[in-house]
Amino acid sequence: MADGVSPNLDHVLVIGGCGFLIVQALRKHPPCPTYSVANRSPTRNLIVGIRYHANNISK
């Protein structure tokens, strides 16, 4: 943002790759109450407290 202030986010959705690295990086910055990850098969590298949703956006 132009003024250097980050917006307050209520919910962040990460799509693909189980979002592992992205969610870890996001959690290091000002907290967001809810993180969700949409992935074909969310079974590996799961982070406690994150909502995972199985789906395939290519269909």
Protein backbone atom coordinates (compact mmCIF):
# COMPACT_ATOMS: atom_id res chain seq x y z
CA MET A 1 0.00 0.00 0.00
CA ALA A 2 1.16 3.51 -0.72
CA ASP A 3 1.12 4.66 2.90
CA GLY A 4 3.14 1.66 4.10
CA VAL A 5 0.33 0.36 6.32
CA SER A 6 -0.80 -3.22 5.85
CA PRO A 7 -4.55 -3.83 5.64
CA ASN A 8 -6.29 -5.82 8.36
CA LEU A 9 -7.44 -9.11 6.88
CA ASP A 10 -10.26 -11.22 8.30
CA HIS A 11 -9.65 -14.34 6.22
CA VAL A 12 -6.88 -15.44 3.87
CA LEU A 13 -7.37 -18.22 1.28
CA VAL A 14 -4.28 -19.90 -0.18
CA ILE A 15 -4.83 -22.06 -3.26
CA GLY A 16 -2.64 -25.05 -4.14
CA GLY A 17 0.44 -26.80 -2.82
CA CYS A 18 -1.18 -27.21 0.60
CA GLY A 19 -0.06 -23.61 1.10
CA PHE A 20 2.62 -24.73 3.54
CA LEU A 21 5.34 -22.16 2.85
CA ILE A 22 2.94 -19.33 2.10
CA VAL A 23 0.88 -19.88 5.25
CA GLN A 24 4.03 -20.11 7.38
CA ALA A 25 5.24 -16.79 5.97
CA LEU A 26 1.84 -15.11 6.42
CA ARG A 27 1.62 -16.19 10.05
CA LYS A 28 4.90 -14.38 10.84
CA HIS A 29 3.32 -11.02 10.02
CA PRO A 30 0.40 -9.25 11.69
CA PRO A 31 -2.05 -12.00 12.49
CA CYS A 32 -5.14 -12.82 10.53
CA PRO A 33 -7.90 -14.60 12.46
CA THR A 34 -8.54 -17.27 9.81
CA TYR A 35 -6.40 -19.00 7.21
CA SER A 36 -7.78 -21.58 4.76
CA VAL A 37 -6.01 -23.68 2.16
CA ALA A 38 -7.69 -25.16 -0.92
CA ASN A 39 -5.81 -28.09 -2.42
CA ARG A 40 -6.51 -31.29 -4.38
CA SER A 41 -5.38 -33.57 -1.60
CA PRO A 42 -4.48 -31.80 1.65
CA THR A 43 -2.82 -34.67 3.51
CA ARG A 44 0.84 -33.59 3.98
CA ASN A 45 2.56 -30.66 5.68
CA LEU A 46 -0.59 -29.67 7.54
CA ILE A 47 -0.36 -26.84 10.06
CA VAL A 48 -2.42 -26.91 13.25
CA GLY A 49 -5.09 -24.21 13.29
CA ILE A 50 -5.38 -23.93 9.50
CA ARG A 51 -8.58 -24.95 7.70
CA TYR A 52 -7.96 -27.30 4.76
CA HIS A 53 -10.45 -27.87 1.94
CA ALA A 54 -10.06 -30.67 -0.63
CA ASN A 55 -11.00 -29.58 -4.15
CA ASN A 56 -9.77 -29.56 -7.72
CA ILE A 57 -10.07 -26.19 -9.43
CA SER A 58 -9.03 -27.66 -12.81
CA LYS A 59 -12.39 -29.40 -13.25
